[in-house]
PDB file of all heavy atoms in Angstrom:
ATOM      1  N   GLU A   1      -6.597 -19.269  -5.621  1.00  0.00           N
ATOM      2  CA  GLU A   1      -5.280 -18.678  -5.499  1.00  0.00           C
ATOM      3  C   GLU A   1      -5.298 -17.237  -5.004  1.00  0.00           C
ATOM      4  O   GLU A   1      -4.247 -16.664  -4.729  1.00  0.00           O
ATOM      5  CB  GLU A   1      -4.507 -18.758  -6.822  1.00  0.00           C
ATOM      6  CG  GLU A   1      -5.273 -18.226  -8.013  1.00  0.00           C
ATOM      7  CD  GLU A   1      -5.944 -19.323  -8.811  1.00  0.00           C
ATOM      8  OE1 GLU A   1      -6.558 -20.216  -8.202  1.00  0.00           O
ATOM      9  OE2 GLU A   1      -5.839 -19.282 -10.059  1.00  0.00           O
ATOM     10  N   ASP A   2      -6.481 -16.648  -4.892  1.00  0.00           N
ATOM     11  CA  ASP A   2      -6.606 -15.319  -4.294  1.00  0.00           C
ATOM     12  C   ASP A   2      -6.607 -15.380  -2.770  1.00  0.00           C
ATOM     13  O   ASP A   2      -6.575 -14.337  -2.117  1.00  0.00           O
ATOM     14  CB  ASP A   2      -7.883 -14.629  -4.764  1.00  0.00           C
ATOM     15  CG  ASP A   2      -7.865 -14.302  -6.242  1.00  0.00           C
ATOM     16  OD1 ASP A   2      -6.816 -13.874  -6.755  1.00  0.00           O
ATOM     17  OD2 ASP A   2      -8.926 -14.474  -6.892  1.00  0.00           O
ATOM     18  N   THR A   3      -6.667 -16.576  -2.217  1.00  0.00           N
ATOM     19  CA  THR A   3      -6.658 -16.737  -0.771  1.00  0.00           C
ATOM     20  C   THR A   3      -5.373 -16.170  -0.182  1.00  0.00           C
ATOM     21  O   THR A   3      -4.278 -16.549  -0.588  1.00  0.00           O
ATOM     22  CB  THR A   3      -6.794 -18.217  -0.390  1.00  0.00           C
ATOM     23  OG1 THR A   3      -8.073 -18.694  -0.805  1.00  0.00           O
ATOM     24  CG2 THR A   3      -6.656 -18.415   1.115  1.00  0.00           C
ATOM     25  N   ALA A   4      -5.515 -15.261   0.763  1.00  0.00           N
ATOM     26  CA  ALA A   4      -4.360 -14.600   1.360  1.00  0.00           C
ATOM     27  C   ALA A   4      -4.834 -13.653   2.450  1.00  0.00           C
ATOM     28  O   ALA A   4      -6.026 -13.383   2.581  1.00  0.00           O
ATOM     29  CB  ALA A   4      -3.576 -13.813   0.309  1.00  0.00           C
ATOM     30  N   VAL A   5      -3.884 -13.156   3.224  1.00  0.00           N
ATOM     31  CA  VAL A   5      -4.149 -12.026   4.095  1.00  0.00           C
ATOM     32  C   VAL A   5      -3.930 -10.773   3.268  1.00  0.00           C
ATOM     33  O   VAL A   5      -2.867 -10.602   2.669  1.00  0.00           O
ATOM     34  CB  VAL A   5      -3.234 -12.022   5.331  1.00  0.00           C
ATOM     35  CG1 VAL A   5      -3.475 -10.768   6.166  1.00  0.00           C
ATOM     36  CG2 VAL A   5      -3.469 -13.271   6.174  1.00  0.00           C
ATOM     37  N   TYR A   6      -4.922  -9.916   3.226  1.00  0.00           N
ATOM     38  CA  TYR A   6      -4.852  -8.695   2.443  1.00  0.00           C
ATOM     39  C   TYR A   6      -4.546  -7.517   3.350  1.00  0.00           C
ATOM     40  O   TYR A   6      -5.204  -7.312   4.370  1.00  0.00           O
ATOM     41  CB  TYR A   6      -6.164  -8.464   1.695  1.00  0.00           C
ATOM     42  CG  TYR A   6      -6.306  -9.346   0.487  1.00  0.00           C
ATOM     43  CD1 TYR A   6      -6.528 -10.711   0.628  1.00  0.00           C
ATOM     44  CD2 TYR A   6      -6.189  -8.823  -0.803  1.00  0.00           C
ATOM     45  CE1 TYR A   6      -6.627 -11.535  -0.476  1.00  0.00           C
ATOM     46  CE2 TYR A   6      -6.295  -9.641  -1.914  1.00  0.00           C
ATOM     47  CZ  TYR A   6      -6.516 -10.997  -1.742  1.00  0.00           C
ATOM     48  OH  TYR A   6      -6.621 -11.807  -2.844  1.00  0.00           O
ATOM     49  N   TYR A   7      -3.547  -6.735   2.960  1.00  0.00           N
ATOM     50  CA  TYR A   7      -3.085  -5.609   3.751  1.00  0.00           C
ATOM     51  C   TYR A   7      -3.317  -4.294   3.024  1.00  0.00           C
ATOM     52  O   TYR A   7      -3.067  -4.184   1.828  1.00  0.00           O
ATOM     53  CB  TYR A   7      -1.588  -5.732   4.046  1.00  0.00           C
ATOM     54  CG  TYR A   7      -1.213  -6.922   4.891  1.00  0.00           C
ATOM     55  CD1 TYR A   7      -0.853  -8.121   4.302  1.00  0.00           C
ATOM     56  CD2 TYR A   7      -1.209  -6.829   6.274  1.00  0.00           C
ATOM     57  CE1 TYR A   7      -0.501  -9.213   5.071  1.00  0.00           C
ATOM     58  CE2 TYR A   7      -0.862  -7.912   7.053  1.00  0.00           C
ATOM     59  CZ  TYR A   7      -0.504  -9.107   6.449  1.00  0.00           C
ATOM     60  OH  TYR A   7      -0.151 -10.180   7.226  1.00  0.00           O
ATOM     61  N   CYS A   8      -3.762  -3.309   3.755  1.00  0.00           N
ATOM     62  CA  CYS A   8      -3.854  -1.950   3.267  1.00  0.00           C
ATOM     63  C   CYS A   8      -2.548  -1.234   3.585  1.00  0.00           C
ATOM     64  O   CYS A   8      -1.938  -1.469   4.636  1.00  0.00           O
ATOM     65  CB  CYS A   8      -5.031  -1.240   3.940  1.00  0.00           C
ATOM     66  SG  CYS A   8      -5.293   0.469   3.433  1.00  0.00           S
ATOM     67  N   ALA A   9      -2.105  -0.368   2.682  1.00  0.00           N
ATOM     68  CA  ALA A   9      -0.853   0.351   2.876  1.00  0.00           C
ATOM     69  C   ALA A   9      -0.980   1.787   2.395  1.00  0.00           C
ATOM     70  O   ALA A   9      -1.831   2.103   1.558  1.00  0.00           O
ATOM     71  CB  ALA A   9       0.285  -0.352   2.133  1.00  0.00           C
ATOM     72  N   ALA A  10      -0.117   2.655   2.917  1.00  0.00           N
ATOM     73  CA  ALA A  10      -0.135   4.066   2.553  1.00  0.00           C
ATOM     74  C   ALA A  10       1.274   4.612   2.460  1.00  0.00           C
ATOM     75  O   ALA A  10       2.192   4.116   3.129  1.00  0.00           O
ATOM     76  CB  ALA A  10      -0.936   4.870   3.575  1.00  0.00           C
ATOM     77  N   VAL A  11       1.448   5.639   1.642  1.00  0.00           N
ATOM     78  CA  VAL A  11       2.739   6.307   1.518  1.00  0.00           C
ATOM     79  C   VAL A  11       2.526   7.723   1.008  1.00  0.00           C
ATOM     80  O   VAL A  11       1.691   7.942   0.119  1.00  0.00           O
ATOM     81  CB  VAL A  11       3.684   5.525   0.571  1.00  0.00           C
ATOM     82  CG1 VAL A  11       3.136   5.453  -0.845  1.00  0.00           C
ATOM     83  CG2 VAL A  11       5.079   6.134   0.585  1.00  0.00           C
ATOM     84  N   PRO A  12       3.241   8.708   1.559  1.00  0.00           N
ATOM     85  CA  PRO A  12       3.148  10.062   1.006  1.00  0.00           C
ATOM     86  C   PRO A  12       3.790  10.108  -0.369  1.00  0.00           C
ATOM     87  O   PRO A  12       4.826   9.487  -0.607  1.00  0.00           O
ATOM     88  CB  PRO A  12       3.917  10.909   2.020  1.00  0.00           C
ATOM     89  CG  PRO A  12       4.857   9.960   2.680  1.00  0.00           C
ATOM     90  CD  PRO A  12       4.124   8.646   2.738  1.00  0.00           C
ATOM     91  N   THR A  13       3.174  10.861  -1.278  1.00  0.00           N
ATOM     92  CA  THR A  13       3.669  10.948  -2.649  1.00  0.00           C
ATOM     93  C   THR A  13       3.875  12.400  -3.058  1.00  0.00           C
ATOM     94  O   THR A  13       3.641  13.321  -2.293  1.00  0.00           O
ATOM     95  CB  THR A  13       2.697  10.266  -3.632  1.00  0.00           C
ATOM     96  OG1 THR A  13       1.443  10.968  -3.635  1.00  0.00           O
ATOM     97  CG2 THR A  13       2.465   8.814  -3.237  1.00  0.00           C
ATOM     98  N   GLN A  14       4.304  12.595  -4.308  1.00  0.00           N
ATOM     99  CA  GLN A  14       4.655  13.919  -4.804  1.00  0.00           C
ATOM    100  C   GLN A  14       3.456  14.814  -5.039  1.00  0.00           C
ATOM    101  O   GLN A  14       3.564  16.039  -4.932  1.00  0.00           O
ATOM    102  CB  GLN A  14       5.453  13.796  -6.109  1.00  0.00           C
ATOM    103  CG  GLN A  14       6.666  12.888  -6.026  1.00  0.00           C
ATOM    104  CD  GLN A  14       7.680  13.360  -5.017  1.00  0.00           C
ATOM    105  OE1 GLN A  14       7.851  14.564  -4.799  1.00  0.00           O
ATOM    106  NE2 GLN A  14       8.364  12.422  -4.393  1.00  0.00           N
ATOM    107  N   GLY A  15       2.323  14.219  -5.376  1.00  0.00           N
ATOM    108  CA  GLY A  15       1.148  15.010  -5.675  1.00  0.00           C
ATOM    109  C   GLY A  15      -0.114  14.179  -5.672  1.00  0.00           C
ATOM    110  O   GLY A  15      -0.076  12.969  -5.433  1.00  0.00           O
ATOM    111  N   SER A  16      -1.219  14.826  -5.965  1.00  0.00           N
ATOM    112  CA  SER A  16      -2.514  14.173  -5.871  1.00  0.00           C
ATOM    113  C   SER A  16      -2.732  13.088  -6.909  1.00  0.00           C
ATOM    114  O   SER A  16      -3.623  12.254  -6.731  1.00  0.00           O
ATOM    115  CB  SER A  16      -3.630  15.212  -5.974  1.00  0.00           C
ATOM    116  OG  SER A  16      -3.592  15.883  -7.221  1.00  0.00           O
ATOM    117  N   PHE A  17      -1.941  13.088  -7.967  1.00  0.00           N
ATOM    118  CA  PHE A  17      -2.092  12.109  -9.036  1.00  0.00           C
ATOM    119  C   PHE A  17      -1.001  11.047  -9.032  1.00  0.00           C
ATOM    120  O   PHE A  17      -0.972  10.187  -9.907  1.00  0.00           O
ATOM    121  CB  PHE A  17      -2.104  12.807 -10.401  1.00  0.00           C
ATOM    122  CG  PHE A  17      -3.186  13.829 -10.543  1.00  0.00           C
ATOM    123  CD1 PHE A  17      -2.908  15.173 -10.388  1.00  0.00           C
ATOM    124  CD2 PHE A  17      -4.483  13.456 -10.823  1.00  0.00           C
ATOM    125  CE1 PHE A  17      -3.906  16.127 -10.518  1.00  0.00           C
ATOM    126  CE2 PHE A  17      -5.488  14.398 -10.949  1.00  0.00           C
ATOM    127  CZ  PHE A  17      -5.198  15.731 -10.797  1.00  0.00           C
ATOM    128  N   SER A  18      -0.121  11.095  -8.051  1.00  0.00           N
ATOM    129  CA  SER A  18       1.030  10.207  -8.029  1.00  0.00           C
ATOM    130  C   SER A  18       0.676   8.792  -7.594  1.00  0.00           C
ATOM    131  O   SER A  18      -0.142   8.584  -6.699  1.00  0.00           O
ATOM    132  CB  SER A  18       2.111  10.758  -7.103  1.00  0.00           C
ATOM    133  OG  SER A  18       2.584  12.005  -7.557  1.00  0.00           O
ATOM    134  N   LEU A  19       1.329   7.826  -8.227  1.00  0.00           N
ATOM    135  CA  LEU A  19       1.237   6.430  -7.833  1.00  0.00           C
ATOM    136  C   LEU A  19       2.622   5.952  -7.416  1.00  0.00           C
ATOM    137  O   LEU A  19       3.576   6.078  -8.171  1.00  0.00           O
ATOM    138  CB  LEU A  19       0.722   5.564  -8.978  1.00  0.00           C
ATOM    139  CG  LEU A  19      -0.776   5.633  -9.270  1.00  0.00           C
ATOM    140  CD1 LEU A  19      -1.088   4.868 -10.548  1.00  0.00           C
ATOM    141  CD2 LEU A  19      -1.576   5.077  -8.106  1.00  0.00           C
ATOM    142  N   PRO A  20       2.740   5.387  -6.223  1.00  0.00           N
ATOM    143  CA  PRO A  20       4.051   4.921  -5.764  1.00  0.00           C
ATOM    144  C   PRO A  20       4.413   3.568  -6.357  1.00  0.00           C
ATOM    145  O   PRO A  20       3.562   2.852  -6.885  1.00  0.00           O
ATOM    146  CB  PRO A  20       3.857   4.818  -4.254  1.00  0.00           C
ATOM    147  CG  PRO A  20       2.411   4.443  -4.114  1.00  0.00           C
ATOM    148  CD  PRO A  20       1.703   5.208  -5.211  1.00  0.00           C
ATOM    149  N   ARG A  21       5.680   3.247  -6.253  1.00  0.00           N
ATOM    150  CA  ARG A  21       6.124   1.913  -6.605  1.00  0.00           C
ATOM    151  C   ARG A  21       5.802   0.986  -5.441  1.00  0.00           C
ATOM    152  O   ARG A  21       5.718   1.426  -4.288  1.00  0.00           O
ATOM    153  CB  ARG A  21       7.624   1.918  -6.898  1.00  0.00           C
ATOM    154  CG  ARG A  21       7.981   2.751  -8.114  1.00  0.00           C
ATOM    155  CD  ARG A  21       9.462   3.006  -8.194  1.00  0.00           C
ATOM    156  NE  ARG A  21       9.806   3.823  -9.350  1.00  0.00           N
ATOM    157  CZ  ARG A  21      10.995   4.356  -9.573  1.00  0.00           C
ATOM    158  NH1 ARG A  21      11.987   4.152  -8.706  1.00  0.00           N
ATOM    159  NH2 ARG A  21      11.197   5.087 -10.649  1.00  0.00           N
ATOM    160  N   PRO A  22       5.617  -0.299  -5.692  1.00  0.00           N
ATOM    161  CA  PRO A  22       5.199  -1.215  -4.618  1.00  0.00           C
ATOM    162  C   PRO A  22       6.098  -1.226  -3.389  1.00  0.00           C
ATOM    163  O   PRO A  22       5.609  -1.450  -2.274  1.00  0.00           O
ATOM    164  CB  PRO A  22       5.206  -2.582  -5.318  1.00  0.00           C
ATOM    165  CG  PRO A  22       4.892  -2.255  -6.738  1.00  0.00           C
ATOM    166  CD  PRO A  22       5.616  -0.956  -7.004  1.00  0.00           C
ATOM    167  N   TYR A  23       7.392  -0.971  -3.565  1.00  0.00           N
ATOM    168  CA  TYR A  23       8.313  -1.032  -2.440  1.00  0.00           C
ATOM    169  C   TYR A  23       8.360   0.251  -1.620  1.00  0.00           C
ATOM    170  O   TYR A  23       9.065   0.313  -0.616  1.00  0.00           O
ATOM    171  CB  TYR A  23       9.728  -1.370  -2.924  1.00  0.00           C
ATOM    172  CG  TYR A  23      10.317  -0.359  -3.869  1.00  0.00           C
ATOM    173  CD1 TYR A  23      10.929   0.793  -3.404  1.00  0.00           C
ATOM    174  CD2 TYR A  23      10.273  -0.580  -5.244  1.00  0.00           C
ATOM    175  CE1 TYR A  23      11.472   1.717  -4.282  1.00  0.00           C
ATOM    176  CE2 TYR A  23      10.819   0.337  -6.132  1.00  0.00           C
ATOM    177  CZ  TYR A  23      11.412   1.489  -5.644  1.00  0.00           C
ATOM    178  OH  TYR A  23      11.960   2.400  -6.512  1.00  0.00           O
ATOM    179  N   GLU A  24       7.621   1.272  -2.026  1.00  0.00           N
ATOM    180  CA  GLU A  24       7.725   2.572  -1.384  1.00  0.00           C
ATOM    181  C   GLU A  24       6.789   2.783  -0.193  1.00  0.00           C
ATOM    182  O   GLU A  24       6.891   3.798   0.483  1.00  0.00           O
ATOM    183  CB  GLU A  24       7.482   3.683  -2.403  1.00  0.00           C
ATOM    184  CG  GLU A  24       8.572   3.794  -3.464  1.00  0.00           C
ATOM    185  CD  GLU A  24       8.307   4.905  -4.454  1.00  0.00           C
ATOM    186  OE1 GLU A  24       7.150   5.065  -4.881  1.00  0.00           O
ATOM    187  OE2 GLU A  24       9.269   5.626  -4.805  1.00  0.00           O
ATOM    188  N   TYR A  25       5.897   1.869   0.085  1.00  0.00           N
ATOM    189  CA  TYR A  25       4.896   2.080   1.123  1.00  0.00           C
ATOM    190  C   TYR A  25       5.504   2.096   2.519  1.00  0.00           C
ATOM    191  O   TYR A  25       6.372   1.278   2.838  1.00  0.00           O
ATOM    192  CB  TYR A  25       3.805   1.017   1.031  1.00  0.00           C
ATOM    193  CG  TYR A  25       2.939   1.218  -0.186  1.00  0.00           C
ATOM    194  CD1 TYR A  25       3.320   0.723  -1.420  1.00  0.00           C
ATOM    195  CD2 TYR A  25       1.745   1.921  -0.091  1.00  0.00           C
ATOM    196  CE1 TYR A  25       2.535   0.933  -2.541  1.00  0.00           C
ATOM    197  CE2 TYR A  25       0.958   2.124  -1.206  1.00  0.00           C
ATOM    198  CZ  TYR A  25       1.350   1.632  -2.428  1.00  0.00           C
ATOM    199  OH  TYR A  25       0.562   1.840  -3.540  1.00  0.00           O
ATOM    200  N   ASP A  26       5.034   3.018   3.335  1.00  0.00           N
ATOM    201  CA  ASP A  26       5.583   3.231   4.676  1.00  0.00           C
ATOM    202  C   ASP A  26       4.691   2.729   5.803  1.00  0.00           C
ATOM    203  O   ASP A  26       5.184   2.380   6.876  1.00  0.00           O
ATOM    204  CB  ASP A  26       5.833   4.724   4.912  1.00  0.00           C
ATOM    205  CG  ASP A  26       6.894   5.297   4.013  1.00  0.00           C
ATOM    206  OD1 ASP A  26       7.886   4.599   3.729  1.00  0.00           O
ATOM    207  OD2 ASP A  26       6.744   6.465   3.602  1.00  0.00           O
ATOM    208  N   TYR A  27       3.387   2.730   5.589  1.00  0.00           N
ATOM    209  CA  TYR A  27       2.446   2.400   6.647  1.00  0.00           C
ATOM    210  C   TYR A  27       1.572   1.231   6.231  1.00  0.00           C
ATOM    211  O   TYR A  27       1.185   1.108   5.068  1.00  0.00           O
ATOM    212  CB  TYR A  27       1.576   3.617   6.988  1.00  0.00           C
ATOM    213  CG  TYR A  27       2.391   4.829   7.354  1.00  0.00           C
ATOM    214  CD1 TYR A  27       2.640   5.828   6.424  1.00  0.00           C
ATOM    215  CD2 TYR A  27       2.923   4.966   8.634  1.00  0.00           C
ATOM    216  CE1 TYR A  27       3.405   6.936   6.757  1.00  0.00           C
ATOM    217  CE2 TYR A  27       3.690   6.074   8.970  1.00  0.00           C
ATOM    218  CZ  TYR A  27       3.926   7.057   8.025  1.00  0.00           C
ATOM    219  OH  TYR A  27       4.682   8.150   8.359  1.00  0.00           O
ATOM    220  N   TRP A  28       1.232   0.408   7.223  1.00  0.00           N
ATOM    221  CA  TRP A  28       0.519  -0.836   6.940  1.00  0.00           C
ATOM    222  C   TRP A  28      -0.579  -1.101   7.954  1.00  0.00           C
ATOM    223  O   TRP A  28      -0.456  -0.764   9.130  1.00  0.00           O
ATOM    224  CB  TRP A  28       1.492  -2.019   6.949  1.00  0.00           C
ATOM    225  CG  TRP A  28       2.565  -1.882   5.935  1.00  0.00           C
ATOM    226  CD1 TRP A  28       3.744  -1.216   6.064  1.00  0.00           C
ATOM    227  CD2 TRP A  28       2.552  -2.423   4.616  1.00  0.00           C
ATOM    228  NE1 TRP A  28       4.465  -1.294   4.901  1.00  0.00           N
ATOM    229  CE2 TRP A  28       3.762  -2.033   4.000  1.00  0.00           C
ATOM    230  CE3 TRP A  28       1.641  -3.198   3.897  1.00  0.00           C
ATOM    231  CZ2 TRP A  28       4.076  -2.394   2.698  1.00  0.00           C
ATOM    232  CZ3 TRP A  28       1.952  -3.559   2.605  1.00  0.00           C
ATOM    233  CH2 TRP A  28       3.157  -3.166   2.015  1.00  0.00           C
ATOM    234  N   GLY A  29      -1.652  -1.707   7.490  1.00  0.00           N
ATOM    235  CA  GLY A  29      -2.699  -2.165   8.379  1.00  0.00           C
ATOM    236  C   GLY A  29      -2.380  -3.541   8.925  1.00  0.00           C
ATOM    237  O   GLY A  29      -1.326  -4.121   8.646  1.00  0.00           O
ATOM    238  N   GLN A  30      -3.299  -4.072   9.709  1.00  0.00           N
ATOM    239  CA  GLN A  30      -3.072  -5.361  10.361  1.00  0.00           C
ATOM    240  C   GLN A  30      -3.413  -6.545   9.471  1.00  0.00           C
ATOM    241  O   GLN A  30      -3.030  -7.677   9.776  1.00  0.00           O
ATOM    242  CB  GLN A  30      -3.884  -5.443  11.656  1.00  0.00           C
ATOM    243  CG  GLN A  30      -5.345  -5.868  11.490  1.00  0.00           C
ATOM    244  CD  GLN A  30      -6.226  -4.817  10.840  1.00  0.00           C
ATOM    245  OE1 GLN A  30      -5.852  -3.656  10.694  1.00  0.00           O
ATOM    246  NE2 GLN A  30      -7.433  -5.224  10.438  1.00  0.00           N
ATOM    247  N   GLY A  31      -4.131  -6.304   8.404  1.00  0.00           N
ATOM    248  CA  GLY A  31      -4.504  -7.351   7.479  1.00  0.00           C
ATOM    249  C   GLY A  31      -5.877  -7.931   7.740  1.00  0.00           C
ATOM    250  O   GLY A  31      -6.377  -7.915   8.862  1.00  0.00           O
ATOM    251  N   THR A  32      -6.493  -8.434   6.688  1.00  0.00           N
ATOM    252  CA  THR A  32      -7.771  -9.123   6.797  1.00  0.00           C
ATOM    253  C   THR A  32      -7.718 -10.375   5.928  1.00  0.00           C
ATOM    254  O   THR A  32      -7.232 -10.341   4.801  1.00  0.00           O
ATOM    255  CB  THR A  32      -8.943  -8.201   6.394  1.00  0.00           C
ATOM    256  OG1 THR A  32     -10.188  -8.867   6.626  1.00  0.00           O
ATOM    257  CG2 THR A  32      -8.855  -7.774   4.936  1.00  0.00           C
TER     258      THR A  32
END
């Protein structure tokens, strides 16, 4: 069930320790 296309994502945050919510990501890779 782990079978899938896995995507890397990035988003600017408030600080070095911040974790975004899943819907906040702005940039995406092509997937593997």
